[in-house]
């Protein structure tokens, strides 16, 4: 399975792709493996195509994101 992620990062912050690489080095669970990255410059470009077919799909995605953020903090020592 694959996921497309469009992070919005401030100029002064470390890019999310770098944080994902660090997280994988620290064996954080529940996060996607980055196979490439690209900088998005417009909010319209970022929000294009964000729809869920069923309400529980969004709930499941949110639950998985919370679990991954917890592991990112506990194992990766990264607060996101």
N, C-alpha and C. Protein backbone atom coordinates (compact mmCIF):
# COMPACT_ATOMS: atom_id res chain seq x y z
N UNK A 1 0.83 -1.19 0.00
CA UNK A 1 0.00 0.00 0.00
C UNK A 1 0.87 1.25 0.00
N UNK A 2 0.34 2.30 -0.59
CA UNK A 2 1.06 3.56 -0.67
C UNK A 2 0.17 4.69 -0.20
N UNK A 3 0.79 5.77 0.23
CA UNK A 3 0.07 6.97 0.63
C UNK A 3 0.81 8.16 0.04
N UNK A 4 0.05 9.17 -0.34
CA UNK A 4 0.64 10.42 -0.80
C UNK A 4 0.45 11.43 0.31
N UNK A 5 1.52 12.06 0.74
CA UNK A 5 1.46 13.01 1.85
C UNK A 5 1.93 14.36 1.35
N UNK A 6 1.16 15.39 1.67
CA UNK A 6 1.50 16.75 1.27
C UNK A 6 1.68 17.60 2.52
N UNK A 7 2.87 17.58 3.11
CA UNK A 7 3.08 18.36 4.33
C UNK A 7 3.23 19.85 4.03
N UNK A 8 2.80 20.65 4.99
CA UNK A 8 2.95 22.09 4.90
C UNK A 8 3.97 22.47 5.95
N UNK A 9 5.18 22.84 5.53
CA UNK A 9 6.27 23.10 6.46
C UNK A 9 6.71 24.55 6.36
N UNK A 10 6.87 25.19 7.52
CA UNK A 10 7.38 26.56 7.55
C UNK A 10 8.84 26.56 7.08
N UNK A 11 9.27 27.67 6.53
CA UNK A 11 10.63 27.77 5.99
C UNK A 11 11.71 27.48 7.02
N UNK A 12 11.46 27.82 8.29
CA UNK A 12 12.47 27.67 9.32
C UNK A 12 12.47 26.29 9.97
N UNK A 13 11.53 25.44 9.61
CA UNK A 13 11.44 24.11 10.22
C UNK A 13 12.10 23.06 9.35
N UNK A 14 12.49 21.97 10.00
CA UNK A 14 13.10 20.83 9.29
C UNK A 14 12.02 20.18 8.42
N UNK A 15 12.31 19.87 7.17
CA UNK A 15 11.32 19.23 6.29
C UNK A 15 10.84 17.89 6.86
N UNK A 16 9.56 17.59 6.65
CA UNK A 16 8.98 16.36 7.18
C UNK A 16 9.66 15.12 6.63
N UNK A 17 10.14 15.17 5.41
CA UNK A 17 10.85 14.02 4.84
C UNK A 17 12.09 13.68 5.67
N UNK A 18 12.78 14.71 6.17
CA UNK A 18 13.94 14.47 7.04
C UNK A 18 13.51 13.83 8.35
N UNK A 19 12.39 14.31 8.91
CA UNK A 19 11.88 13.73 10.16
C UNK A 19 11.46 12.28 9.97
N UNK A 20 10.87 11.96 8.82
CA UNK A 20 10.50 10.57 8.54
C UNK A 20 11.72 9.66 8.47
N UNK A 21 12.78 10.16 7.86
CA UNK A 21 14.02 9.36 7.80
C UNK A 21 14.57 9.10 9.20
N UNK A 22 14.57 10.12 10.05
CA UNK A 22 15.04 9.97 11.43
C UNK A 22 14.15 8.98 12.18
N UNK A 23 12.84 9.11 12.00
CA UNK A 23 11.90 8.22 12.69
C UNK A 23 12.14 6.76 12.30
N UNK A 24 12.39 6.49 11.03
CA UNK A 24 12.66 5.12 10.59
C UNK A 24 13.97 4.60 11.17
N UNK A 25 14.97 5.47 11.28
CA UNK A 25 16.23 5.07 11.90
C UNK A 25 16.02 4.68 13.36
N UNK A 26 15.03 5.32 14.02
CA UNK A 26 14.74 5.05 15.43
C UNK A 26 13.64 4.00 15.61
N UNK A 27 13.26 3.35 14.52
CA UNK A 27 12.29 2.25 14.51
C UNK A 27 10.91 2.64 15.07
N UNK A 28 10.45 3.84 14.70
CA UNK A 28 9.11 4.28 15.08
C UNK A 28 8.09 3.44 14.33
N UNK A 29 7.02 3.04 15.02
CA UNK A 29 5.99 2.19 14.42
C UNK A 29 4.83 3.02 13.87
N UNK A 30 4.20 2.53 12.81
CA UNK A 30 2.96 3.09 12.30
C UNK A 30 3.10 4.29 11.39
N UNK A 31 4.29 4.56 10.92
CA UNK A 31 4.46 5.68 10.00
C UNK A 31 4.83 5.16 8.61
N UNK A 32 4.53 5.96 7.62
CA UNK A 32 4.81 5.58 6.24
C UNK A 32 6.31 5.69 5.95
N UNK A 33 6.78 4.87 5.04
CA UNK A 33 8.16 4.98 4.58
C UNK A 33 8.18 5.91 3.38
N UNK A 34 8.99 6.92 3.46
CA UNK A 34 9.08 7.90 2.37
C UNK A 34 9.90 7.32 1.22
N UNK A 35 9.33 7.36 0.02
CA UNK A 35 10.08 6.90 -1.15
C UNK A 35 10.39 8.08 -2.08
N UNK A 36 10.01 9.28 -1.66
CA UNK A 36 10.29 10.48 -2.42
C UNK A 36 9.61 11.66 -1.77
N UNK A 37 10.06 12.86 -2.10
CA UNK A 37 9.40 14.05 -1.54
C UNK A 37 9.50 15.19 -2.54
N UNK A 38 8.58 16.14 -2.38
CA UNK A 38 8.49 17.28 -3.27
C UNK A 38 7.88 18.43 -2.49
N UNK A 39 8.37 19.63 -2.68
CA UNK A 39 7.87 20.81 -1.96
C UNK A 39 6.62 21.36 -2.66
N UNK A 40 5.52 21.50 -1.90
CA UNK A 40 4.27 22.09 -2.40
C UNK A 40 4.26 23.56 -1.99
N UNK A 41 3.92 24.44 -2.91
CA UNK A 41 3.97 25.86 -2.60
C UNK A 41 2.60 26.53 -2.49
N UNK A 42 1.53 25.85 -2.88
CA UNK A 42 0.21 26.46 -2.82
C UNK A 42 -0.80 25.61 -2.08
N UNK A 43 -1.66 26.23 -1.28
CA UNK A 43 -2.63 25.48 -0.47
C UNK A 43 -3.67 24.78 -1.35
N UNK A 44 -4.06 25.37 -2.47
CA UNK A 44 -5.02 24.72 -3.36
C UNK A 44 -4.46 23.42 -3.93
N UNK A 45 -3.20 23.44 -4.26
CA UNK A 45 -2.53 22.24 -4.76
C UNK A 45 -2.49 21.15 -3.67
N UNK A 46 -2.32 21.57 -2.43
CA UNK A 46 -2.22 20.63 -1.31
C UNK A 46 -3.55 19.95 -1.01
N UNK A 47 -4.66 20.65 -1.08
CA UNK A 47 -5.97 20.12 -0.69
C UNK A 47 -6.69 19.37 -1.81
N UNK A 48 -6.16 19.38 -2.99
CA UNK A 48 -6.81 18.74 -4.12
C UNK A 48 -7.01 17.24 -3.90
N UNK A 49 -8.26 16.76 -4.06
CA UNK A 49 -8.55 15.33 -4.00
C UNK A 49 -8.70 14.73 -2.61
N UNK A 50 -8.85 15.53 -1.57
CA UNK A 50 -8.97 14.99 -0.21
C UNK A 50 -10.43 14.66 0.09
N UNK A 51 -10.86 13.45 -0.25
CA UNK A 51 -12.22 13.00 0.03
C UNK A 51 -12.18 11.58 0.58
N UNK A 52 -13.19 11.24 1.40
CA UNK A 52 -13.33 9.89 1.94
C UNK A 52 -14.68 9.35 1.51
N UNK A 53 -14.72 8.10 1.03
CA UNK A 53 -15.96 7.51 0.54
C UNK A 53 -16.92 7.16 1.66
N UNK A 54 -16.41 6.76 2.81
CA UNK A 54 -17.26 6.37 3.94
C UNK A 54 -16.77 7.08 5.20
N UNK A 55 -17.69 7.49 6.10
CA UNK A 55 -17.28 8.20 7.32
C UNK A 55 -16.27 7.43 8.16
N UNK A 56 -16.42 6.10 8.25
CA UNK A 56 -15.50 5.33 9.08
C UNK A 56 -14.09 5.31 8.49
N UNK A 57 -13.95 5.57 7.21
CA UNK A 57 -12.61 5.64 6.61
C UNK A 57 -11.82 6.79 7.22
N UNK A 58 -12.49 7.92 7.43
CA UNK A 58 -11.83 9.06 8.06
C UNK A 58 -11.49 8.75 9.51
N UNK A 59 -12.43 8.14 10.24
CA UNK A 59 -12.17 7.80 11.66
C UNK A 59 -11.00 6.84 11.78
N UNK A 60 -10.95 5.86 10.91
CA UNK A 60 -9.86 4.89 10.93
C UNK A 60 -8.52 5.57 10.62
N UNK A 61 -8.52 6.47 9.65
CA UNK A 61 -7.30 7.19 9.31
C UNK A 61 -6.84 8.06 10.47
N UNK A 62 -7.79 8.72 11.15
CA UNK A 62 -7.47 9.56 12.30
C UNK A 62 -6.90 8.72 13.44
N UNK A 63 -7.52 7.57 13.72
CA UNK A 63 -7.04 6.67 14.78
C UNK A 63 -5.61 6.22 14.48
N UNK A 64 -5.36 5.82 13.26
CA UNK A 64 -4.02 5.37 12.88
C UNK A 64 -2.99 6.49 13.01
N UNK A 65 -3.40 7.71 12.66
CA UNK A 65 -2.49 8.85 12.77
C UNK A 65 -2.15 9.13 14.23
N UNK A 66 -3.13 9.02 15.12
CA UNK A 66 -2.88 9.24 16.55
C UNK A 66 -1.91 8.19 17.09
N UNK A 67 -2.12 6.93 16.72
CA UNK A 67 -1.22 5.86 17.17
C UNK A 67 0.21 6.10 16.65
N UNK A 68 0.32 6.52 15.41
CA UNK A 68 1.65 6.77 14.84
C UNK A 68 2.33 7.95 15.52
N UNK A 69 1.57 9.02 15.82
CA UNK A 69 2.15 10.17 16.51
C UNK A 69 2.64 9.80 17.90
N UNK A 70 1.90 8.91 18.58
CA UNK A 70 2.32 8.46 19.91
C UNK A 70 3.64 7.71 19.82
N UNK A 71 3.76 6.81 18.86
CA UNK A 71 5.00 6.06 18.68
C UNK A 71 6.14 7.00 18.25
N UNK A 72 5.82 7.97 17.43
CA UNK A 72 6.82 8.95 16.98
C UNK A 72 7.41 9.68 18.18
N UNK A 73 6.55 10.02 19.16
CA UNK A 73 7.01 10.73 20.36
C UNK A 73 7.76 9.79 21.31
N UNK A 74 7.17 8.61 21.58
CA UNK A 74 7.76 7.70 22.56
C UNK A 74 9.04 7.02 22.06
N UNK A 75 9.02 6.55 20.82
CA UNK A 75 10.19 5.83 20.29
C UNK A 75 11.15 6.74 19.53
N UNK A 76 10.60 7.69 18.81
CA UNK A 76 11.44 8.53 17.96
C UNK A 76 11.92 9.80 18.62
N UNK A 77 11.34 10.12 19.80
CA UNK A 77 11.67 11.36 20.52
C UNK A 77 11.44 12.58 19.62
N UNK A 78 10.36 12.49 18.82
CA UNK A 78 9.99 13.59 17.92
C UNK A 78 8.55 13.99 18.25
N UNK A 79 8.34 15.25 18.61
CA UNK A 79 7.00 15.78 18.86
C UNK A 79 6.53 16.46 17.59
N UNK A 80 5.44 15.92 17.00
CA UNK A 80 4.96 16.42 15.70
C UNK A 80 3.62 17.09 15.87
